[in-house]
Amino acid sequence: MKLKYTIHTIKKNGQTEIKSSQFDTFPIVIGRGGASAILLESKLVSLEHVSIQVSDNVPYVYDLDSSSGVFLNNAKIVNARLK
């Protein structure tokens, strides 16, 4: 399965930063640490903030006990199915 993602991050100054890419190897870790597949440079992002995993060809997102939480479509989540 190939997964195309787009991440919108809002900076303190109100500007939005958009990153897009595709992955076909899972899990994907997003964070500000060097081991993360997707690096986000913000003090609001944990070293390992969120993981995207695929089960039965369905992608899921999991909060990795981040300090500031994970939001999907403006709702705070612990885990959720991606559509």
Protein backbone atom coordinates (compact mmCIF):
# COMPACT_ATOMS: atom_id res chain seq x y z
CA MET A 1 0.00 0.00 0.00
CA LYS A 2 1.24 3.48 -0.87
CA LEU A 3 0.12 6.24 1.43
CA LYS A 4 0.24 9.87 0.42
CA TYR A 5 0.18 12.25 3.34
CA THR A 6 -0.16 15.98 3.79
CA ILE A 7 0.65 17.56 7.16
CA HIS A 8 -0.48 21.07 7.99
CA THR A 9 1.34 22.64 10.93
CA ILE A 10 0.49 26.05 12.33
CA LYS A 11 3.43 28.03 13.66
CA LYS A 12 3.33 30.49 16.55
CA ASN A 13 3.23 33.41 14.12
CA GLY A 14 0.06 31.96 12.56
CA GLN A 15 1.68 30.84 9.31
CA THR A 16 0.80 27.38 8.01
CA GLU A 17 3.51 25.01 6.79
CA ILE A 18 2.49 22.16 4.48
CA LYS A 19 4.55 19.01 3.85
CA SER A 20 3.56 16.20 1.48
CA SER A 21 5.13 12.89 0.48
CA GLN A 22 4.38 9.19 -0.13
CA PHE A 23 5.38 6.10 1.83
CA ASP A 24 5.04 2.39 1.21
CA THR A 25 6.90 1.08 4.29
CA PHE A 26 5.20 1.12 7.69
CA PRO A 27 5.12 2.04 10.53
CA ILE A 28 6.00 5.69 9.91
CA VAL A 29 7.08 7.75 12.91
CA ILE A 30 6.57 11.51 12.88
CA GLY A 31 8.48 13.68 15.33
CA ARG A 32 11.42 16.00 15.81
CA GLY A 33 13.92 13.20 16.57
CA GLY A 34 16.52 11.93 14.13
CA ALA A 35 14.89 8.48 13.93
CA SER A 36 11.60 9.90 12.65
CA ALA A 37 10.72 9.32 8.99
CA ILE A 38 8.97 12.70 8.92
CA LEU A 39 10.79 15.44 10.82
CA LEU A 40 8.92 18.43 12.20
CA GLU A 41 11.07 21.14 13.74
CA SER A 42 8.96 22.46 16.59
CA LYS A 43 9.27 22.37 20.35
CA LEU A 44 5.57 21.46 20.42
CA VAL A 45 6.40 18.16 18.67
CA SER A 46 7.78 15.27 20.74
CA LEU A 47 10.86 13.34 19.60
CA GLU A 48 8.52 10.49 18.58
CA HIS A 49 5.12 12.16 18.40
CA VAL A 50 2.85 10.00 16.25
CA SER A 51 2.95 6.73 14.32
CA ILE A 52 1.10 5.72 11.17
CA GLN A 53 0.58 1.99 10.83
CA VAL A 54 -1.30 -0.18 8.34
CA SER A 55 -3.44 -3.16 9.29
CA ASP A 56 -5.35 -5.16 6.65
CA ASN A 57 -4.56 -2.41 4.12
CA VAL A 58 -6.17 0.25 6.35
CA PRO A 59 -4.02 3.11 7.74
CA TYR A 60 -4.26 4.11 11.41
CA VAL A 61 -2.66 6.95 13.34
CA TYR A 62 -1.48 6.54 16.96
CA ASP A 63 -0.40 9.16 19.48
CA LEU A 64 2.93 8.00 20.95
CA ASP A 65 2.26 9.62 24.35
CA SER A 66 3.14 13.04 22.94
CA SER A 67 3.19 15.96 25.35
CA SER A 68 0.96 18.24 23.25
CA GLY A 69 -1.37 15.64 21.71
CA VAL A 70 -2.34 14.63 18.19
CA PHE A 71 -5.17 16.32 16.30
CA LEU A 72 -6.96 14.90 13.29
CA ASN A 73 -9.49 17.17 11.58
CA ASN A 74 -9.39 19.50 14.61
CA ALA A 75 -10.23 16.68 17.08
CA LYS A 76 -7.71 15.43 19.65
CA ILE A 77 -7.20 11.69 19.22
CA VAL A 78 -5.26 8.83 20.82
CA ASN A 79 -5.71 6.62 17.76
CA ALA A 80 -7.88 6.79 14.69
CA ARG A 81 -8.48 5.21 11.32
CA LEU A 82 -7.33 7.36 8.41
CA LYS A 83 -9.56 7.77 5.37
